[in-house]
Structures are given as C-alpha cells and as structure tokens.
Amino acid sequence: MPAVSQKQQKFFGIVRAIQNGEMAPTTPETAKAATDMKKSDVKDFASTKHKGLPEKKKVQEKIDYADTKQMKKFADEKKKHKEKDMRMKFGKFYDKAKEAKDRLRPGEVKKLVDGKWVSNKD
C-alpha cells in the first residue's frame, strides 16, 4: 500500500528507522506504530515517492441522510445551539424584546373578536 500524502510517507519513514534501530522513538505514536506494524507494511508506506502526493490528505465528511443516528446528532446540535444563535442575532436583550412585543402600547385596548384578540391601534 502506498502512502496517500507526504506527511504519511515521512511518518512511516521515521517508524521504519525506529524498527531498524537507526533512531530512537520521537513520539508515543511513532513508538506504538513501530511495535504494532509489520516491517513489510511500513516499508511499503515509507518507500512511496513524494512526486504527485499532496502535503496532507484532505478529509471530506459525508452526510448520510438515511442514517438515523447521524441525523439525530445533527438535530441535537441544532437544538443545543438554537438559543446561542438567537442571542447572537438579537443580543443579550432578546428575552426583553420578546416580552415588549406582547405588551400593550399607551392607549391600546385589546378585545376578543371572533376568538382572536384585536387591538384598537391596528
């Protein structure tokens, strides 16, 4: 298996040097990879040429609309951030503005007509 990015190739080059005893482990990740992987697999990754490889592999998250767990997660996040979004939109006085909308204006009288409250100012 060839490496998919230059960073992956460099990482496995370090792992191969650790497996051959040419280098001491620099990070816990390199030490774990050196002990867990076969030398032949590490050699395949490390021997990949840099030409044509991206510096870093871009990961694109795919949304599966049929996956109920994923959709529930999105719905929960949306509900969780809804209040914060409203505060960002209307500022810290959002609740007071909401109350003021329902308050009567000076000289205003509301009466019930056909099951609806109607104002004399409208």
N, C-alpha and C. Protein backbone atom coordinates (compact mmCIF):
# COMPACT_ATOMS: atom_id res chain seq x y z
N MET A 1 0.83 -1.19 0.00
CA MET A 1 0.00 0.00 0.00
C MET A 1 0.87 1.25 0.00
N PRO A 2 0.71 2.09 -0.96
CA PRO A 2 1.49 3.33 -0.96
C PRO A 2 0.88 4.37 -0.03
N ALA A 3 1.69 5.31 0.40
CA ALA A 3 1.22 6.40 1.25
C ALA A 3 0.34 7.34 0.43
N VAL A 4 -0.65 7.97 1.08
CA VAL A 4 -1.57 8.85 0.36
C VAL A 4 -1.18 10.33 0.49
N SER A 5 -0.19 10.64 1.34
CA SER A 5 0.27 12.01 1.47
C SER A 5 1.75 12.03 1.85
N GLN A 6 2.36 13.19 1.69
CA GLN A 6 3.77 13.33 2.03
C GLN A 6 3.99 13.18 3.53
N LYS A 7 3.06 13.70 4.33
CA LYS A 7 3.20 13.58 5.78
C LYS A 7 3.15 12.13 6.23
N GLN A 8 2.25 11.34 5.61
CA GLN A 8 2.15 9.93 5.96
C GLN A 8 3.44 9.21 5.57
N GLN A 9 4.01 9.54 4.43
CA GLN A 9 5.25 8.90 3.98
C GLN A 9 6.40 9.24 4.95
N LYS A 10 6.47 10.49 5.38
CA LYS A 10 7.52 10.90 6.32
C LYS A 10 7.35 10.19 7.66
N PHE A 11 6.09 10.08 8.13
CA PHE A 11 5.82 9.40 9.39
C PHE A 11 6.31 7.95 9.34
N PHE A 12 5.97 7.25 8.25
CA PHE A 12 6.39 5.87 8.15
C PHE A 12 7.89 5.73 7.89
N GLY A 13 8.53 6.75 7.35
CA GLY A 13 9.98 6.75 7.25
C GLY A 13 10.61 6.77 8.63
N ILE A 14 10.04 7.56 9.54
CA ILE A 14 10.53 7.61 10.92
C ILE A 14 10.27 6.27 11.62
N VAL A 15 9.08 5.70 11.40
CA VAL A 15 8.74 4.40 12.01
C VAL A 15 9.71 3.32 11.52
N ARG A 16 10.04 3.35 10.24
CA ARG A 16 10.97 2.35 9.69
C ARG A 16 12.37 2.50 10.30
N ALA A 17 12.81 3.75 10.49
CA ALA A 17 14.12 3.98 11.12
C ALA A 17 14.12 3.47 12.56
N ILE A 18 12.99 3.62 13.26
CA ILE A 18 12.90 3.11 14.63
C ILE A 18 12.94 1.59 14.63
N GLN A 19 12.23 0.94 13.70
CA GLN A 19 12.24 -0.52 13.62
C GLN A 19 13.62 -1.07 13.29
N ASN A 20 14.40 -0.34 12.48
CA ASN A 20 15.74 -0.79 12.10
C ASN A 20 16.77 -0.45 13.17
N GLY A 21 16.39 0.31 14.20
CA GLY A 21 17.31 0.66 15.27
C GLY A 21 18.18 1.86 14.95
N GLU A 22 17.90 2.58 13.89
CA GLU A 22 18.69 3.74 13.48
C GLU A 22 18.30 4.99 14.25
N MET A 23 17.17 4.94 14.92
CA MET A 23 16.63 6.14 15.54
C MET A 23 15.84 5.75 16.80
N ALA A 24 15.82 6.63 17.77
CA ALA A 24 15.01 6.41 18.98
C ALA A 24 13.61 6.97 18.73
N PRO A 25 12.58 6.38 19.36
CA PRO A 25 11.22 6.89 19.16
C PRO A 25 11.11 8.36 19.56
N THR A 26 10.53 9.17 18.69
CA THR A 26 10.41 10.60 18.95
C THR A 26 9.10 10.94 19.66
N THR A 27 8.04 10.22 19.34
CA THR A 27 6.73 10.45 19.97
C THR A 27 6.12 9.10 20.32
N PRO A 28 5.12 9.09 21.20
CA PRO A 28 4.45 7.83 21.53
C PRO A 28 3.77 7.18 20.31
N GLU A 29 3.30 8.02 19.37
CA GLU A 29 2.64 7.48 18.18
C GLU A 29 3.62 6.69 17.32
N THR A 30 4.83 7.22 17.15
CA THR A 30 5.82 6.51 16.33
C THR A 30 6.25 5.22 17.02
N ALA A 31 6.40 5.25 18.34
CA ALA A 31 6.80 4.05 19.08
C ALA A 31 5.72 2.98 18.97
N LYS A 32 4.45 3.37 19.09
CA LYS A 32 3.34 2.41 19.00
C LYS A 32 3.25 1.82 17.60
N ALA A 33 3.40 2.67 16.58
CA ALA A 33 3.33 2.18 15.21
C ALA A 33 4.49 1.23 14.92
N ALA A 34 5.68 1.52 15.46
CA ALA A 34 6.85 0.67 15.23
C ALA A 34 6.66 -0.71 15.84
N THR A 35 6.02 -0.79 16.99
CA THR A 35 5.83 -2.09 17.64
C THR A 35 4.64 -2.86 17.06
N ASP A 36 3.61 -2.15 16.62
CA ASP A 36 2.37 -2.81 16.18
C ASP A 36 2.40 -3.28 14.73
N MET A 37 3.14 -2.60 13.85
CA MET A 37 3.07 -2.89 12.42
C MET A 37 4.19 -3.82 11.96
N LYS A 38 3.90 -4.56 10.87
CA LYS A 38 4.91 -5.43 10.28
C LYS A 38 5.91 -4.57 9.50
N LYS A 39 7.16 -5.03 9.44
CA LYS A 39 8.21 -4.29 8.74
C LYS A 39 7.89 -4.14 7.25
N SER A 40 7.28 -5.15 6.66
CA SER A 40 6.99 -5.08 5.23
C SER A 40 5.93 -4.02 4.93
N ASP A 41 4.92 -3.90 5.81
CA ASP A 41 3.89 -2.87 5.62
C ASP A 41 4.49 -1.47 5.75
N VAL A 42 5.33 -1.28 6.76
CA VAL A 42 5.96 0.01 6.99
C VAL A 42 6.86 0.37 5.80
N LYS A 43 7.56 -0.64 5.26
CA LYS A 43 8.45 -0.41 4.11
C LYS A 43 7.64 0.06 2.90
N ASP A 44 6.45 -0.54 2.67
CA ASP A 44 5.60 -0.14 1.55
C ASP A 44 5.19 1.33 1.66
N PHE A 45 4.79 1.74 2.86
CA PHE A 45 4.38 3.13 3.07
C PHE A 45 5.57 4.08 2.93
N ALA A 46 6.70 3.70 3.52
CA ALA A 46 7.87 4.59 3.55
C ALA A 46 8.54 4.73 2.19
N SER A 47 8.40 3.73 1.32
CA SER A 47 9.11 3.78 0.03
C SER A 47 8.33 4.54 -1.05
N THR A 48 7.19 5.08 -0.72
CA THR A 48 6.39 5.85 -1.68
C THR A 48 7.13 7.13 -2.06
N LYS A 49 7.13 7.46 -3.34
CA LYS A 49 7.77 8.69 -3.82
C LYS A 49 6.86 9.89 -3.53
N HIS A 50 7.47 11.04 -3.28
CA HIS A 50 6.72 12.26 -2.96
C HIS A 50 6.03 12.88 -4.16
N LYS A 51 6.54 12.61 -5.35
CA LYS A 51 6.03 13.28 -6.55
C LYS A 51 4.55 12.96 -6.76
N GLY A 52 3.75 14.00 -6.87
CA GLY A 52 2.32 13.84 -7.12
C GLY A 52 1.48 13.64 -5.87
N LEU A 53 2.11 13.55 -4.71
CA LEU A 53 1.35 13.39 -3.47
C LEU A 53 1.02 14.75 -2.86
N PRO A 54 -0.15 14.88 -2.28
CA PRO A 54 -0.45 16.14 -1.58
C PRO A 54 0.34 16.19 -0.27
N GLU A 55 0.55 17.41 0.24
CA GLU A 55 1.26 17.56 1.51
C GLU A 55 0.48 16.87 2.62
N LYS A 56 -0.84 17.08 2.63
CA LYS A 56 -1.69 16.49 3.65
C LYS A 56 -3.00 16.06 2.99
N LYS A 57 -3.50 14.91 3.35
CA LYS A 57 -4.74 14.38 2.79
C LYS A 57 -5.92 15.16 3.33
N LYS A 58 -6.80 15.64 2.44
CA LYS A 58 -8.00 16.36 2.86
C LYS A 58 -9.11 15.35 3.11
N VAL A 59 -9.72 15.46 4.28
CA VAL A 59 -10.81 14.56 4.63
C VAL A 59 -12.11 15.31 4.45
N GLN A 60 -13.02 14.72 3.70
CA GLN A 60 -14.30 15.35 3.45
C GLN A 60 -15.36 14.51 4.15
N GLU A 61 -16.10 15.16 5.05
CA GLU A 61 -17.13 14.45 5.80
C GLU A 61 -18.37 14.29 4.92
N LYS A 62 -18.85 13.07 4.83
CA LYS A 62 -20.03 12.79 4.03
C LYS A 62 -21.23 12.66 4.96
N ILE A 63 -22.34 13.22 4.54
CA ILE A 63 -23.56 13.15 5.33
C ILE A 63 -24.47 12.09 4.72
N ASP A 64 -24.83 11.12 5.54
CA ASP A 64 -25.75 10.07 5.11
C ASP A 64 -27.11 10.40 5.70
N TYR A 65 -28.01 10.91 4.86
CA TYR A 65 -29.32 11.35 5.35
C TYR A 65 -30.21 10.18 5.77
N ALA A 66 -29.87 8.98 5.39
CA ALA A 66 -30.65 7.81 5.78
C ALA A 66 -30.22 7.29 7.15
N ASP A 67 -29.06 7.69 7.62
CA ASP A 67 -28.54 7.24 8.91
C ASP A 67 -29.24 8.00 10.03
N THR A 68 -30.08 7.30 10.79
CA THR A 68 -30.87 7.97 11.82
C THR A 68 -30.01 8.48 12.97
N LYS A 69 -28.95 7.75 13.31
CA LYS A 69 -28.07 8.21 14.40
C LYS A 69 -27.40 9.53 14.04
N GLN A 70 -26.92 9.62 12.80
CA GLN A 70 -26.24 10.84 12.36
C GLN A 70 -27.23 12.01 12.30
N MET A 71 -28.43 11.77 11.82
CA MET A 71 -29.44 12.83 11.72
C MET A 71 -29.89 13.28 13.11
N LYS A 72 -29.99 12.34 14.07
CA LYS A 72 -30.35 12.70 15.45
C LYS A 72 -29.26 13.57 16.06
N LYS A 73 -28.01 13.24 15.75
CA LYS A 73 -26.88 14.02 16.26
C LYS A 73 -26.95 15.45 15.73
N PHE A 74 -27.26 15.62 14.44
CA PHE A 74 -27.38 16.95 13.86
C PHE A 74 -28.54 17.72 14.48
N ALA A 75 -29.67 17.04 14.71
CA ALA A 75 -30.84 17.68 15.31
C ALA A 75 -30.54 18.12 16.74
N ASP A 76 -29.84 17.27 17.50
CA ASP A 76 -29.47 17.63 18.88
C ASP A 76 -28.54 18.84 18.91
N GLU A 77 -27.57 18.87 17.99
CA GLU A 77 -26.66 20.01 17.92
C GLU A 77 -27.40 21.29 17.56
N LYS A 78 -28.35 21.18 16.64
CA LYS A 78 -29.12 22.35 16.22
C LYS A 78 -29.94 22.89 17.38
N LYS A 79 -30.58 21.98 18.12
CA LYS A 79 -31.39 22.40 19.27
C LYS A 79 -30.50 23.02 20.36
N LYS A 80 -29.34 22.44 20.56
CA LYS A 80 -28.41 22.90 21.60
C LYS A 80 -27.93 24.33 21.31
N HIS A 81 -27.70 24.62 20.05
CA HIS A 81 -27.14 25.92 19.69
C HIS A 81 -28.19 26.96 19.30
N LYS A 82 -29.47 26.59 19.31
CA LYS A 82 -30.51 27.50 18.87
C LYS A 82 -30.56 28.75 19.76
N GLU A 83 -30.51 28.55 21.07
CA GLU A 83 -30.57 29.69 21.99
C GLU A 83 -29.37 30.61 21.81
N LYS A 84 -28.19 30.04 21.66
CA LYS A 84 -26.99 30.85 21.46
C LYS A 84 -27.07 31.63 20.14
N ASP A 85 -27.61 30.98 19.12
CA ASP A 85 -27.75 31.66 17.83
C ASP A 85 -28.70 32.85 17.94
N MET A 86 -29.79 32.69 18.69
CA MET A 86 -30.74 33.79 18.86
C MET A 86 -30.09 34.94 19.62
N ARG A 87 -29.27 34.61 20.62
CA ARG A 87 -28.57 35.66 21.36
C ARG A 87 -27.58 36.39 20.46
N MET A 88 -26.94 35.65 19.58
CA MET A 88 -26.01 36.28 18.65
C MET A 88 -26.76 37.20 17.68
N LYS A 89 -27.98 36.79 17.31
CA LYS A 89 -28.74 37.55 16.35
C LYS A 89 -29.35 38.80 16.97
N PHE A 90 -29.92 38.69 18.19
CA PHE A 90 -30.64 39.79 18.80
C PHE A 90 -29.93 40.41 19.99
N GLY A 91 -28.81 39.88 20.40
CA GLY A 91 -28.10 40.43 21.53
C GLY A 91 -28.63 39.90 22.85
N LYS A 92 -28.10 40.44 23.95
CA LYS A 92 -28.47 39.91 25.26
C LYS A 92 -29.86 40.35 25.70
N PHE A 93 -30.51 41.24 24.97
CA PHE A 93 -31.83 41.72 25.34
C PHE A 93 -32.93 41.01 24.56
N TYR A 94 -32.65 39.83 24.03
CA TYR A 94 -33.62 39.10 23.22
C TYR A 94 -34.90 38.80 24.00
N ASP A 95 -34.75 38.33 25.25
CA ASP A 95 -35.93 37.99 26.05
C ASP A 95 -36.78 39.22 26.34
N LYS A 96 -36.13 40.35 26.63
CA LYS A 96 -36.88 41.58 26.92
C LYS A 96 -37.60 42.09 25.67
N ALA A 97 -36.98 41.95 24.52
CA ALA A 97 -37.62 42.38 23.27
C ALA A 97 -38.83 41.51 22.97
N LYS A 98 -38.74 40.26 23.30
CA LYS A 98 -39.84 39.33 23.09
C LYS A 98 -41.03 39.70 23.99
N GLU A 99 -40.74 40.06 25.25
CA GLU A 99 -41.80 40.48 26.17
C GLU A 99 -42.43 41.79 25.72
N ALA A 100 -41.62 42.72 25.24
CA ALA A 100 -42.12 44.03 24.83
C ALA A 100 -43.06 43.92 23.63
N LYS A 101 -42.87 42.91 22.83
CA LYS A 101 -43.72 42.72 21.67
C LYS A 101 -45.17 42.43 22.08
N ASP A 102 -45.33 41.73 23.19
CA ASP A 102 -46.66 41.36 23.65
C ASP A 102 -47.28 42.41 24.57
N ARG A 103 -46.50 43.37 25.05
CA ARG A 103 -47.01 44.40 25.96
C ARG A 103 -47.93 45.37 25.24
N LEU A 104 -48.88 45.93 25.96
CA LEU A 104 -49.79 46.93 25.39
C LEU A 104 -49.09 48.27 25.25
N ARG A 105 -49.38 48.97 24.17
CA ARG A 105 -48.85 50.31 23.97
C ARG A 105 -49.76 51.31 24.69
N PRO A 106 -49.29 52.54 24.94
CA PRO A 106 -50.15 53.53 25.61
C PRO A 106 -51.41 53.78 24.79
N GLY A 107 -52.56 53.70 25.45
CA GLY A 107 -53.84 53.95 24.80
C GLY A 107 -54.38 52.75 24.04
N GLU A 108 -53.70 51.62 24.10
CA GLU A 108 -54.13 50.44 23.35
C GLU A 108 -55.05 49.57 24.21
N VAL A 109 -56.09 49.07 23.59
CA VAL A 109 -57.02 48.16 24.25
C VAL A 109 -57.21 46.96 23.32
N LYS A 110 -57.09 45.76 23.90
CA LYS A 110 -57.31 44.56 23.09
C LYS A 110 -58.61 43.93 23.54
N LYS A 111 -59.42 43.51 22.56
CA LYS A 111 -60.67 42.83 22.89
C LYS A 111 -60.80 41.58 22.03
N LEU A 112 -61.57 40.64 22.53
CA LEU A 112 -61.74 39.36 21.87
C LEU A 112 -62.86 39.46 20.84
N VAL A 113 -62.50 39.27 19.57
CA VAL A 113 -63.48 39.32 18.49
C VAL A 113 -63.33 38.04 17.67
N ASP A 114 -64.40 37.26 17.61
CA ASP A 114 -64.41 36.00 16.85
C ASP A 114 -63.26 35.07 17.25
N GLY A 115 -62.95 35.01 18.53
CA GLY A 115 -61.91 34.12 19.02
C GLY A 115 -60.50 34.63 18.86
N LYS A 116 -60.32 35.88 18.39
CA LYS A 116 -58.99 36.47 18.22
C LYS A 116 -58.92 37.78 18.99
N TRP A 117 -57.76 38.07 19.53
CA TRP A 117 -57.56 39.34 20.22
C TRP A 117 -57.22 40.40 19.18
N VAL A 118 -57.98 41.47 19.18
CA VAL A 118 -57.80 42.55 18.22
C VAL A 118 -57.49 43.82 18.97
N SER A 119 -56.53 44.58 18.46
CA SER A 119 -56.12 45.83 19.09
C SER A 119 -56.84 47.00 18.44
N ASN A 120 -57.09 48.05 19.25
CA ASN A 120 -57.70 49.25 18.69
C ASN A 120 -56.67 50.11 17.96
N LYS A 121 -55.38 49.78 18.06
CA LYS A 121 -54.32 50.54 17.40
C LYS A 121 -54.01 50.00 16.00
N ASP A 122 -54.52 48.83 15.68
CA ASP A 122 -54.20 48.23 14.37
C ASP A 122 -55.08 48.75 13.26
